PDB file of all heavy atoms in Angstrom:
ATOM      1  N   ARG A   1       0.783  -1.205  -0.039  1.00  0.00           N
ATOM      2  CA  ARG A   1       0.021   0.028  -0.022  1.00  0.00           C
ATOM      3  C   ARG A   1       0.858   1.349   0.122  1.00  0.00           C
ATOM      4  O   ARG A   1       1.979   1.326   0.584  1.00  0.00           O
ATOM      5  CB  ARG A   1      -0.960  -0.010   1.233  1.00  0.00           C
ATOM      6  CG  ARG A   1      -1.976  -1.019   1.159  1.00  0.00           C
ATOM      7  CD  ARG A   1      -2.975  -0.948   2.317  1.00  0.00           C
ATOM      8  NE  ARG A   1      -3.767   0.276   2.316  1.00  0.00           N
ATOM      9  CZ  ARG A   1      -4.786   0.495   1.581  1.00  0.00           C
ATOM     10  NH1 ARG A   1      -5.235  -0.492   0.835  1.00  0.00           N
ATOM     11  NH2 ARG A   1      -5.460   1.678   1.657  1.00  0.00           N
ATOM     12  N   VAL A   2       0.380   2.330  -0.771  1.00  0.00           N
ATOM     13  CA  VAL A   2       1.191   3.483  -0.930  1.00  0.00           C
ATOM     14  C   VAL A   2       0.482   4.539  -0.109  1.00  0.00           C
ATOM     15  O   VAL A   2      -0.581   4.862  -0.134  1.00  0.00           O
ATOM     16  CB  VAL A   2       1.298   3.850  -2.296  1.00  0.00           C
ATOM     17  CG1 VAL A   2       1.934   5.274  -2.558  1.00  0.00           C
ATOM     18  CG2 VAL A   2       2.145   2.805  -3.047  1.00  0.00           C
ATOM     19  N   ALA A   3       1.322   5.361   0.698  1.00  0.00           N
ATOM     20  CA  ALA A   3       0.863   6.375   1.584  1.00  0.00           C
ATOM     21  C   ALA A   3       0.920   7.693   0.763  1.00  0.00           C
ATOM     22  O   ALA A   3       1.696   8.053   0.031  1.00  0.00           O
ATOM     23  CB  ALA A   3       1.633   6.418   2.834  1.00  0.00           C
ATOM     24  N   SER A   4      -0.093   8.664   1.096  1.00  0.00           N
ATOM     25  CA  SER A   4      -0.024   9.985   0.750  1.00  0.00           C
ATOM     26  C   SER A   4       1.016  10.626   1.577  1.00  0.00           C
ATOM     27  O   SER A   4       1.000  10.672   2.818  1.00  0.00           O
ATOM     28  CB  SER A   4      -1.404  10.686   0.912  1.00  0.00           C
ATOM     29  OG  SER A   4      -1.267  11.968   0.738  1.00  0.00           O
ATOM     30  N   CYS A   5       2.045  11.295   0.961  1.00  0.00           N
ATOM     31  CA  CYS A   5       3.047  11.865   1.776  1.00  0.00           C
ATOM     32  C   CYS A   5       3.760  13.042   0.891  1.00  0.00           C
ATOM     33  O   CYS A   5       3.717  12.950  -0.402  1.00  0.00           O
ATOM     34  CB  CYS A   5       3.955  10.954   2.321  1.00  0.00           C
ATOM     35  SG  CYS A   5       4.788   9.955   1.016  1.00  0.00           S
ATOM     36  N   SER A   6       4.576  13.764   1.543  1.00  0.00           N
ATOM     37  CA  SER A   6       5.532  14.643   0.991  1.00  0.00           C
ATOM     38  C   SER A   6       6.834  14.593   1.804  1.00  0.00           C
ATOM     39  O   SER A   6       6.876  14.472   2.956  1.00  0.00           O
ATOM     40  CB  SER A   6       5.032  16.139   0.978  1.00  0.00           C
ATOM     41  OG  SER A   6       3.995  16.273   0.129  1.00  0.00           O
ATOM     42  N   GLY A   7       7.901  14.680   1.025  1.00  0.00           N
ATOM     43  CA  GLY A   7       9.222  14.589   1.774  1.00  0.00           C
ATOM     44  C   GLY A   7      10.457  14.430   0.808  1.00  0.00           C
ATOM     45  O   GLY A   7      10.311  14.782  -0.395  1.00  0.00           O
ATOM     46  N   TRP A   8      11.459  13.725   1.291  1.00  0.00           N
ATOM     47  CA  TRP A   8      12.661  13.510   0.495  1.00  0.00           C
ATOM     48  C   TRP A   8      13.044  12.110   0.387  1.00  0.00           C
ATOM     49  O   TRP A   8      12.755  11.405   1.486  1.00  0.00           O
ATOM     50  CB  TRP A   8      13.796  14.358   1.131  1.00  0.00           C
ATOM     51  CG  TRP A   8      13.586  15.732   1.038  1.00  0.00           C
ATOM     52  CD1 TRP A   8      12.795  16.585   1.939  1.00  0.00           C
ATOM     53  CD2 TRP A   8      14.153  16.747   0.048  1.00  0.00           C
ATOM     54  NE1 TRP A   8      12.861  17.892   1.526  1.00  0.00           N
ATOM     55  CE2 TRP A   8      13.702  18.070   0.478  1.00  0.00           C
ATOM     56  CE3 TRP A   8      15.019  16.570  -0.912  1.00  0.00           C
ATOM     57  CZ2 TRP A   8      14.120  19.193  -0.194  1.00  0.00           C
ATOM     58  CZ3 TRP A   8      15.421  17.739  -1.737  1.00  0.00           C
ATOM     59  CH2 TRP A   8      15.010  18.979  -1.328  1.00  0.00           C
ATOM     60  N   THR A   9      13.455  11.596  -0.655  1.00  0.00           N
ATOM     61  CA  THR A   9      13.834  10.185  -0.787  1.00  0.00           C
ATOM     62  C   THR A   9      15.247  10.141  -1.283  1.00  0.00           C
ATOM     63  O   THR A   9      15.601  10.739  -2.204  1.00  0.00           O
ATOM     64  CB  THR A   9      12.996   9.387  -1.685  1.00  0.00           C
ATOM     65  OG1 THR A   9      13.476   8.051  -1.739  1.00  0.00           O
ATOM     66  CG2 THR A   9      12.795   9.924  -2.991  1.00  0.00           C
ATOM     67  N   ASP A  10      16.091   9.305  -0.576  1.00  0.00           N
ATOM     68  CA  ASP A  10      17.412   8.914  -1.071  1.00  0.00           C
ATOM     69  C   ASP A  10      17.530   7.464  -1.299  1.00  0.00           C
ATOM     70  O   ASP A  10      18.590   6.841  -1.224  1.00  0.00           O
ATOM     71  CB  ASP A  10      18.514   9.402  -0.090  1.00  0.00           C
ATOM     72  CG  ASP A  10      18.474   8.776   1.179  1.00  0.00           C
ATOM     73  OD1 ASP A  10      17.421   8.001   1.486  1.00  0.00           O
ATOM     74  OD2 ASP A  10      19.180   9.062   2.162  1.00  0.00           O
ATOM     75  N   LEU A  11      16.280   6.833  -1.641  1.00  0.00           N
ATOM     76  CA  LEU A  11      16.237   5.335  -1.878  1.00  0.00           C
ATOM     77  C   LEU A  11      17.208   4.991  -3.014  1.00  0.00           C
ATOM     78  O   LEU A  11      17.094   5.608  -4.074  1.00  0.00           O
ATOM     79  CB  LEU A  11      14.891   5.007  -2.258  1.00  0.00           C
ATOM     80  CG  LEU A  11      14.588   3.388  -2.513  1.00  0.00           C
ATOM     81  CD1 LEU A  11      14.826   2.675  -1.214  1.00  0.00           C
ATOM     82  CD2 LEU A  11      13.130   3.259  -2.896  1.00  0.00           C
ATOM     83  N   TYR A  12      18.041   4.000  -2.719  1.00  0.00           N
ATOM     84  CA  TYR A  12      18.954   3.422  -3.688  1.00  0.00           C
ATOM     85  C   TYR A  12      18.559   2.051  -3.968  1.00  0.00           C
ATOM     86  O   TYR A  12      18.750   1.137  -3.161  1.00  0.00           O
ATOM     87  CB  TYR A  12      20.332   3.610  -3.045  1.00  0.00           C
ATOM     88  CG  TYR A  12      21.625   3.180  -3.863  1.00  0.00           C
ATOM     89  CD1 TYR A  12      21.452   3.075  -5.284  1.00  0.00           C
ATOM     90  CD2 TYR A  12      22.769   2.886  -3.288  1.00  0.00           C
ATOM     91  CE1 TYR A  12      22.612   2.597  -6.046  1.00  0.00           C
ATOM     92  CE2 TYR A  12      23.843   2.468  -3.968  1.00  0.00           C
ATOM     93  CZ  TYR A  12      23.857   2.400  -5.432  1.00  0.00           C
ATOM     94  OH  TYR A  12      24.893   2.032  -6.113  1.00  0.00           O
ATOM     95  N   VAL A  13      18.225   1.769  -5.126  1.00  0.00           N
ATOM     96  CA  VAL A  13      17.677   0.445  -5.590  1.00  0.00           C
ATOM     97  C   VAL A  13      18.831  -0.371  -6.264  1.00  0.00           C
ATOM     98  O   VAL A  13      19.080   0.056  -7.424  1.00  0.00           O
ATOM     99  CB  VAL A  13      16.452   0.451  -6.308  1.00  0.00           C
ATOM    100  CG1 VAL A  13      15.921  -0.815  -6.628  1.00  0.00           C
ATOM    101  CG2 VAL A  13      15.266   1.299  -5.596  1.00  0.00           C
ATOM    102  N   LEU A  14      19.193  -1.395  -5.686  1.00  0.00           N
ATOM    103  CA  LEU A  14      20.114  -2.327  -6.321  1.00  0.00           C
ATOM    104  C   LEU A  14      19.585  -3.795  -6.497  1.00  0.00           C
ATOM    105  O   LEU A  14      18.586  -4.176  -5.795  1.00  0.00           O
ATOM    106  CB  LEU A  14      21.430  -2.444  -5.400  1.00  0.00           C
ATOM    107  CG  LEU A  14      22.275  -1.213  -5.414  1.00  0.00           C
ATOM    108  CD1 LEU A  14      23.230  -1.365  -4.328  1.00  0.00           C
ATOM    109  CD2 LEU A  14      22.949  -0.888  -6.642  1.00  0.00           C
ATOM    110  N   PRO A  15      20.029  -4.506  -7.379  1.00  0.00           N
ATOM    111  CA  PRO A  15      19.710  -5.995  -7.446  1.00  0.00           C
ATOM    112  C   PRO A  15      19.699  -6.588  -6.043  1.00  0.00           C
ATOM    113  O   PRO A  15      20.631  -6.464  -5.223  1.00  0.00           O
ATOM    114  CB  PRO A  15      20.713  -6.653  -8.321  1.00  0.00           C
ATOM    115  CG  PRO A  15      21.160  -5.583  -9.252  1.00  0.00           C
ATOM    116  CD  PRO A  15      21.077  -4.309  -8.480  1.00  0.00           C
ATOM    117  N   GLY A  16      18.645  -7.255  -5.699  1.00  0.00           N
ATOM    118  CA  GLY A  16      18.346  -7.855  -4.434  1.00  0.00           C
ATOM    119  C   GLY A  16      17.271  -7.114  -3.630  1.00  0.00           C
ATOM    120  O   GLY A  16      16.665  -7.658  -2.656  1.00  0.00           O
ATOM    121  N   TYR A  17      16.914  -5.828  -4.106  1.00  0.00           N
ATOM    122  CA  TYR A  17      15.820  -5.221  -3.447  1.00  0.00           C
ATOM    123  C   TYR A  17      14.448  -5.785  -3.702  1.00  0.00           C
ATOM    124  O   TYR A  17      14.252  -6.237  -4.825  1.00  0.00           O
ATOM    125  CB  TYR A  17      15.845  -3.780  -3.998  1.00  0.00           C
ATOM    126  CG  TYR A  17      14.743  -2.860  -3.661  1.00  0.00           C
ATOM    127  CD1 TYR A  17      14.813  -2.096  -2.424  1.00  0.00           C
ATOM    128  CD2 TYR A  17      13.487  -2.748  -4.305  1.00  0.00           C
ATOM    129  CE1 TYR A  17      13.719  -1.377  -1.943  1.00  0.00           C
ATOM    130  CE2 TYR A  17      12.463  -1.993  -3.910  1.00  0.00           C
ATOM    131  CZ  TYR A  17      12.557  -1.283  -2.666  1.00  0.00           C
ATOM    132  OH  TYR A  17      11.504  -0.535  -2.263  1.00  0.00           O
ATOM    133  N   ARG A  18      13.586  -5.886  -2.679  1.00  0.00           N
ATOM    134  CA  ARG A  18      12.323  -6.340  -2.883  1.00  0.00           C
ATOM    135  C   ARG A  18      11.273  -5.327  -3.189  1.00  0.00           C
ATOM    136  O   ARG A  18      11.007  -4.494  -2.320  1.00  0.00           O
ATOM    137  CB  ARG A  18      11.987  -7.250  -1.703  1.00  0.00           C
ATOM    138  CG  ARG A  18      10.610  -8.024  -1.746  1.00  0.00           C
ATOM    139  CD  ARG A  18      10.282  -8.732  -0.586  1.00  0.00           C
ATOM    140  NE  ARG A  18       9.864  -7.840   0.461  1.00  0.00           N
ATOM    141  CZ  ARG A  18       8.660  -7.377   0.760  1.00  0.00           C
ATOM    142  NH1 ARG A  18       7.707  -7.638  -0.083  1.00  0.00           N
ATOM    143  NH2 ARG A  18       8.479  -6.572   1.804  1.00  0.00           N
ATOM    144  N   PHE A  19      10.650  -5.276  -4.364  1.00  0.00           N
ATOM    145  CA  PHE A  19       9.756  -4.291  -4.765  1.00  0.00           C
ATOM    146  C   PHE A  19       8.471  -4.633  -4.084  1.00  0.00           C
ATOM    147  O   PHE A  19       7.933  -5.738  -4.133  1.00  0.00           O
ATOM    148  CB  PHE A  19       9.440  -4.234  -6.279  1.00  0.00           C
ATOM    149  CG  PHE A  19      10.740  -3.622  -6.962  1.00  0.00           C
ATOM    150  CD1 PHE A  19      11.902  -4.387  -7.265  1.00  0.00           C
ATOM    151  CD2 PHE A  19      10.808  -2.352  -7.285  1.00  0.00           C
ATOM    152  CE1 PHE A  19      12.938  -3.886  -7.880  1.00  0.00           C
ATOM    153  CE2 PHE A  19      11.792  -1.720  -7.985  1.00  0.00           C
ATOM    154  CZ  PHE A  19      12.968  -2.519  -8.191  1.00  0.00           C
ATOM    155  N   ARG A  20       7.830  -3.638  -3.527  1.00  0.00           N
ATOM    156  CA  ARG A  20       6.646  -3.788  -2.645  1.00  0.00           C
ATOM    157  C   ARG A  20       5.423  -3.259  -3.335  1.00  0.00           C
ATOM    158  O   ARG A  20       4.358  -3.715  -3.174  1.00  0.00           O
ATOM    159  CB  ARG A  20       6.793  -3.077  -1.342  1.00  0.00           C
ATOM    160  CG  ARG A  20       7.903  -3.564  -0.516  1.00  0.00           C
ATOM    161  CD  ARG A  20       8.084  -2.849   0.796  1.00  0.00           C
ATOM    162  NE  ARG A  20       8.428  -1.417   0.625  1.00  0.00           N
ATOM    163  CZ  ARG A  20       8.937  -0.721   1.710  1.00  0.00           C
ATOM    164  NH1 ARG A  20       8.972  -1.130   2.940  1.00  0.00           N
ATOM    165  NH2 ARG A  20       9.259   0.512   1.513  1.00  0.00           N
ATOM    166  N   ALA A  21       5.558  -2.237  -4.246  1.00  0.00           N
ATOM    167  CA  ALA A  21       4.308  -1.663  -4.970  1.00  0.00           C
ATOM    168  C   ALA A  21       4.455  -1.824  -6.495  1.00  0.00           C
ATOM    169  O   ALA A  21       3.385  -2.150  -7.085  1.00  0.00           O
ATOM    170  CB  ALA A  21       4.312  -0.121  -4.562  1.00  0.00           C
ATOM    171  N   VAL A  22       5.493  -1.465  -7.017  1.00  0.00           N
ATOM    172  CA  VAL A  22       5.593  -1.379  -8.502  1.00  0.00           C
ATOM    173  C   VAL A  22       5.562  -2.913  -9.108  1.00  0.00           C
ATOM    174  O   VAL A  22       6.332  -3.690  -8.786  1.00  0.00           O
ATOM    175  CB  VAL A  22       6.861  -0.652  -9.041  1.00  0.00           C
ATOM    176  CG1 VAL A  22       7.023  -0.661 -10.464  1.00  0.00           C
ATOM    177  CG2 VAL A  22       6.804   0.754  -8.402  1.00  0.00           C
ATOM    178  N   GLU A  23       4.731  -2.973 -10.193  1.00  0.00           N
ATOM    179  CA  GLU A  23       4.519  -4.258 -10.830  1.00  0.00           C
ATOM    180  C   GLU A  23       4.967  -4.298 -12.306  1.00  0.00           C
ATOM    181  O   GLU A  23       5.069  -5.282 -12.889  1.00  0.00           O
ATOM    182  CB  GLU A  23       3.079  -4.619 -10.713  1.00  0.00           C
ATOM    183  CG  GLU A  23       2.662  -4.917  -9.240  1.00  0.00           C
ATOM    184  CD  GLU A  23       1.162  -5.002  -9.098  1.00  0.00           C
ATOM    185  OE1 GLU A  23       0.391  -4.056  -9.633  1.00  0.00           O
ATOM    186  OE2 GLU A  23       0.672  -5.896  -8.361  1.00  0.00           O
ATOM    187  N   ALA A  24       5.184  -3.067 -12.963  1.00  0.00           N
ATOM    188  CA  ALA A  24       5.590  -2.915 -14.341  1.00  0.00           C
ATOM    189  C   ALA A  24       6.160  -1.607 -14.310  1.00  0.00           C
ATOM    190  O   ALA A  24       5.880  -0.723 -13.554  1.00  0.00           O
ATOM    191  CB  ALA A  24       4.557  -3.235 -15.328  1.00  0.00           C
ATOM    192  N   MET A  25       7.080  -1.266 -15.391  1.00  0.00           N
ATOM    193  CA  MET A  25       7.667  -0.012 -15.528  1.00  0.00           C
ATOM    194  C   MET A  25       8.065   0.274 -16.973  1.00  0.00           C
ATOM    195  O   MET A  25       8.377  -0.575 -17.759  1.00  0.00           O
ATOM    196  CB  MET A  25       8.867   0.221 -14.602  1.00  0.00           C
ATOM    197  CG  MET A  25      10.068  -0.607 -15.139  1.00  0.00           C
ATOM    198  SD  MET A  25      11.485  -0.342 -14.032  1.00  0.00           S
ATOM    199  CE  MET A  25      11.778   1.380 -14.205  1.00  0.00           C
ATOM    200  N   VAL A  26       7.950   1.648 -17.248  1.00  0.00           N
ATOM    201  CA  VAL A  26       8.351   2.118 -18.560  1.00  0.00           C
ATOM    202  C   VAL A  26       9.667   2.904 -18.287  1.00  0.00           C
ATOM    203  O   VAL A  26       9.741   3.594 -17.269  1.00  0.00           O
ATOM    204  CB  VAL A  26       7.237   3.111 -19.148  1.00  0.00           C
ATOM    205  CG1 VAL A  26       7.778   3.683 -20.450  1.00  0.00           C
ATOM    206  CG2 VAL A  26       6.022   2.345 -19.325  1.00  0.00           C
ATOM    207  N   THR A  27      10.604   2.681 -19.128  1.00  0.00           N
ATOM    208  CA  THR A  27      11.907   3.374 -18.843  1.00  0.00           C
ATOM    209  C   THR A  27      12.698   3.525 -20.153  1.00  0.00           C
ATOM    210  O   THR A  27      12.380   2.893 -21.138  1.00  0.00           O
ATOM    211  CB  THR A  27      12.767   2.608 -17.853  1.00  0.00           C
ATOM    212  OG1 THR A  27      13.896   3.229 -17.477  1.00  0.00           O
ATOM    213  CG2 THR A  27      13.185   1.216 -18.387  1.00  0.00           C
ATOM    214  N   ASN A  28      13.557   4.557 -20.084  1.00  0.00           N
ATOM    215  CA  ASN A  28      14.507   4.692 -21.249  1.00  0.00           C
ATOM    216  C   ASN A  28      15.709   3.714 -21.132  1.00  0.00           C
ATOM    217  O   ASN A  28      15.894   3.068 -20.280  1.00  0.00           O
ATOM    218  CB  ASN A  28      14.862   6.146 -21.383  1.00  0.00           C
ATOM    219  CG  ASN A  28      13.826   6.910 -22.158  1.00  0.00           C
ATOM    220  OD1 ASN A  28      12.598   6.621 -22.252  1.00  0.00           O
ATOM    221  ND2 ASN A  28      14.225   8.142 -22.693  1.00  0.00           N
ATOM    222  N   PHE A  29      16.610   3.813 -22.079  1.00  0.00           N
ATOM    223  CA  PHE A  29      17.871   3.219 -22.093  1.00  0.00           C
ATOM    224  C   PHE A  29      18.942   4.040 -21.450  1.00  0.00           C
ATOM    225  O   PHE A  29      19.200   5.233 -21.926  1.00  0.00           O
ATOM    226  CB  PHE A  29      18.385   2.702 -23.448  1.00  0.00           C
ATOM    227  CG  PHE A  29      17.405   1.627 -23.960  1.00  0.00           C
ATOM    228  CD1 PHE A  29      16.293   2.038 -24.780  1.00  0.00           C
ATOM    229  CD2 PHE A  29      17.669   0.307 -23.835  1.00  0.00           C
ATOM    230  CE1 PHE A  29      15.437   1.023 -25.283  1.00  0.00           C
ATOM    231  CE2 PHE A  29      16.822  -0.752 -24.131  1.00  0.00           C
ATOM    232  CZ  PHE A  29      15.674  -0.361 -24.989  1.00  0.00           C
ATOM    233  N   HIS A  30      19.481   3.626 -20.365  1.00  0.00           N
ATOM    234  CA  HIS A  30      20.287   4.551 -19.534  1.00  0.00           C
ATOM    235  C   HIS A  30      21.753   4.486 -19.781  1.00  0.00           C
ATOM    236  O   HIS A  30      22.270   3.473 -20.310  1.00  0.00           O
ATOM    237  CB  HIS A  30      19.981   4.257 -17.998  1.00  0.00           C
ATOM    238  CG  HIS A  30      18.502   4.452 -17.700  1.00  0.00           C
ATOM    239  ND1 HIS A  30      17.885   5.581 -17.736  1.00  0.00           N
ATOM    240  CD2 HIS A  30      17.534   3.522 -17.317  1.00  0.00           C
ATOM    241  CE1 HIS A  30      16.559   5.456 -17.416  1.00  0.00           C
ATOM    242  NE2 HIS A  30      16.386   4.146 -17.156  1.00  0.00           N
ATOM    243  N   LEU A  31      22.452   5.492 -19.218  1.00  0.00           N
ATOM    244  CA  LEU A  31      23.937   5.528 -19.195  1.00  0.00           C
ATOM    245  C   LEU A  31      24.496   4.248 -18.456  1.00  0.00           C
ATOM    246  O   LEU A  31      23.817   3.903 -17.380  1.00  0.00           O
ATOM    247  CB  LEU A  31      24.499   6.778 -18.652  1.00  0.00           C
ATOM    248  CG  LEU A  31      24.633   7.936 -19.664  1.00  0.00           C
ATOM    249  CD1 LEU A  31      23.223   8.600 -19.859  1.00  0.00           C
ATOM    250  CD2 LEU A  31      25.509   9.010 -19.100  1.00  0.00           C
ATOM    251  N   PRO A  32      25.619   3.689 -18.931  1.00  0.00           N
ATOM    252  CA  PRO A  32      26.206   2.597 -18.076  1.00  0.00           C
ATOM    253  C   PRO A  32      26.776   3.225 -16.777  1.00  0.00           C
ATOM    254  O   PRO A  32      26.976   4.328 -16.621  1.00  0.00           O
ATOM    255  CB  PRO A  32      27.346   2.151 -19.024  1.00  0.00           C
ATOM    256  CG  PRO A  32      27.639   3.323 -19.911  1.00  0.00           C
ATOM    257  CD  PRO A  32      26.266   4.031 -20.105  1.00  0.00           C
ATOM    258  N   ARG A  33      26.835   2.285 -15.789  1.00  0.00           N
ATOM    259  CA  ARG A  33      27.606   2.602 -14.545  1.00  0.00           C
ATOM    260  C   ARG A  33      26.910   3.598 -13.742  1.00  0.00           C
ATOM    261  O   ARG A  33      27.455   4.509 -13.108  1.00  0.00           O
ATOM    262  CB  ARG A  33      28.918   3.090 -14.773  1.00  0.00           C
ATOM    263  CG  ARG A  33      29.783   1.870 -15.507  1.00  0.00           C
ATOM    264  CD  ARG A  33      31.049   2.497 -16.133  1.00  0.00           C
ATOM    265  NE  ARG A  33      32.047   2.757 -15.100  1.00  0.00           N
ATOM    266  CZ  ARG A  33      32.975   1.837 -14.690  1.00  0.00           C
ATOM    267  NH1 ARG A  33      33.052   0.566 -15.271  1.00  0.00           N
ATOM    268  NH2 ARG A  33      33.871   2.098 -13.811  1.00  0.00           N
ATOM    269  N   THR A  34      25.434   3.802 -13.951  1.00  0.00           N
ATOM    270  CA  THR A  34      24.777   4.683 -13.154  1.00  0.00           C
ATOM    271  C   THR A  34      23.687   3.984 -12.312  1.00  0.00           C
ATOM    272  O   THR A  34      23.269   2.870 -12.491  1.00  0.00           O
ATOM    273  CB  THR A  34      23.904   5.574 -14.103  1.00  0.00           C
ATOM    274  OG1 THR A  34      23.077   4.802 -14.958  1.00  0.00           O
ATOM    275  CG2 THR A  34      24.892   6.479 -15.018  1.00  0.00           C
ATOM    276  N   THR A  35      23.126   4.683 -11.321  1.00  0.00           N
ATOM    277  CA  THR A  35      22.089   4.123 -10.442  1.00  0.00           C
ATOM    278  C   THR A  35      20.880   3.764 -11.192  1.00  0.00           C
ATOM    279  O   THR A  35      20.023   2.968 -10.716  1.00  0.00           O
ATOM    280  CB  THR A  35      21.753   5.123  -9.444  1.00  0.00           C
ATOM    281  OG1 THR A  35      21.241   6.348  -9.779  1.00  0.00           O
ATOM    282  CG2 THR A  35      22.989   5.395  -8.472  1.00  0.00           C
ATOM    283  N   LEU A  36      20.630   4.402 -12.363  1.00  0.00           N
ATOM    284  CA  LEU A  36      19.456   4.203 -13.114  1.00  0.00           C
ATOM    285  C   LEU A  36      19.392   2.776 -13.755  1.00  0.00           C
ATOM    286  O   LEU A  36      18.377   1.998 -13.571  1.00  0.00           O
ATOM    287  CB  LEU A  36      19.296   5.162 -14.273  1.00  0.00           C
ATOM    288  CG  LEU A  36      19.269   6.704 -13.862  1.00  0.00           C
ATOM    289  CD1 LEU A  36      19.432   7.674 -15.088  1.00  0.00           C
ATOM    290  CD2 LEU A  36      18.034   6.994 -13.052  1.00  0.00           C
ATOM    291  N   ILE A  37      20.435   2.438 -14.335  1.00  0.00           N
ATOM    292  CA  ILE A  37      20.574   1.051 -14.914  1.00  0.00           C
ATOM    293  C   ILE A  37      20.631  -0.085 -13.808  1.00  0.00           C
ATOM    294  O   ILE A  37      20.080  -1.127 -13.937  1.00  0.00           O
ATOM    295  CB  ILE A  37      21.664   0.864 -15.843  1.00  0.00           C
ATOM    296  CG1 ILE A  37      21.585  -0.407 -16.693  1.00  0.00           C
ATOM    297  CG2 ILE A  37      23.074   0.854 -15.102  1.00  0.00           C
ATOM    298  CD1 ILE A  37      22.615  -0.563 -17.910  1.00  0.00           C
ATOM    299  N   MET A  38      21.148   0.415 -12.664  1.00  0.00           N
ATOM    300  CA  MET A  38      21.018  -0.552 -11.513  1.00  0.00           C
ATOM    301  C   MET A  38      19.519  -0.810 -10.970  1.00  0.00           C
ATOM    302  O   MET A  38      19.200  -1.950 -10.720  1.00  0.00           O
ATOM    303  CB  MET A  38      21.963  -0.019 -10.392  1.00  0.00           C
ATOM    304  CG  MET A  38      23.460   0.039 -10.745  1.00  0.00           C
ATOM    305  SD  MET A  38      24.449   0.897  -9.409  1.00  0.00           S
ATOM    306  CE  MET A  38      25.873   1.114 -10.274  1.00  0.00           C
ATOM    307  N   LEU A  39      18.857   0.335 -10.956  1.00  0.00           N
ATOM    308  CA  LEU A  39      17.380   0.149 -10.512  1.00  0.00           C
ATOM    309  C   LEU A  39      16.694  -0.818 -11.583  1.00  0.00           C
ATOM    310  O   LEU A  39      15.944  -1.687 -11.192  1.00  0.00           O
ATOM    311  CB  LEU A  39      16.865   1.514 -10.481  1.00  0.00           C
ATOM    312  CG  LEU A  39      15.331   1.518  -9.971  1.00  0.00           C
ATOM    313  CD1 LEU A  39      14.981   2.851  -9.307  1.00  0.00           C
ATOM    314  CD2 LEU A  39      14.280   1.341 -11.084  1.00  0.00           C
ATOM    315  N   VAL A  40      16.888  -0.554 -12.847  1.00  0.00           N
ATOM    316  CA  VAL A  40      16.262  -1.441 -13.853  1.00  0.00           C
ATOM    317  C   VAL A  40      16.662  -2.828 -13.661  1.00  0.00           C
ATOM    318  O   VAL A  40      15.913  -3.832 -13.780  1.00  0.00           O
ATOM    319  CB  VAL A  40      16.412  -0.945 -15.329  1.00  0.00           C
ATOM    320  CG1 VAL A  40      15.904  -1.693 -16.283  1.00  0.00           C
ATOM    321  CG2 VAL A  40      15.976   0.504 -15.523  1.00  0.00           C
TER     322      VAL A  40
END
């Protein structure tokens, strides 16, 4: 469940992270060696 909120996030998603809410995603093709490709 997703809460209504405002704040700051420094969430860093790496392989091994257990996704709780997101079930599918749209994304671009990212630069190598970045946190973006790690999240994907």
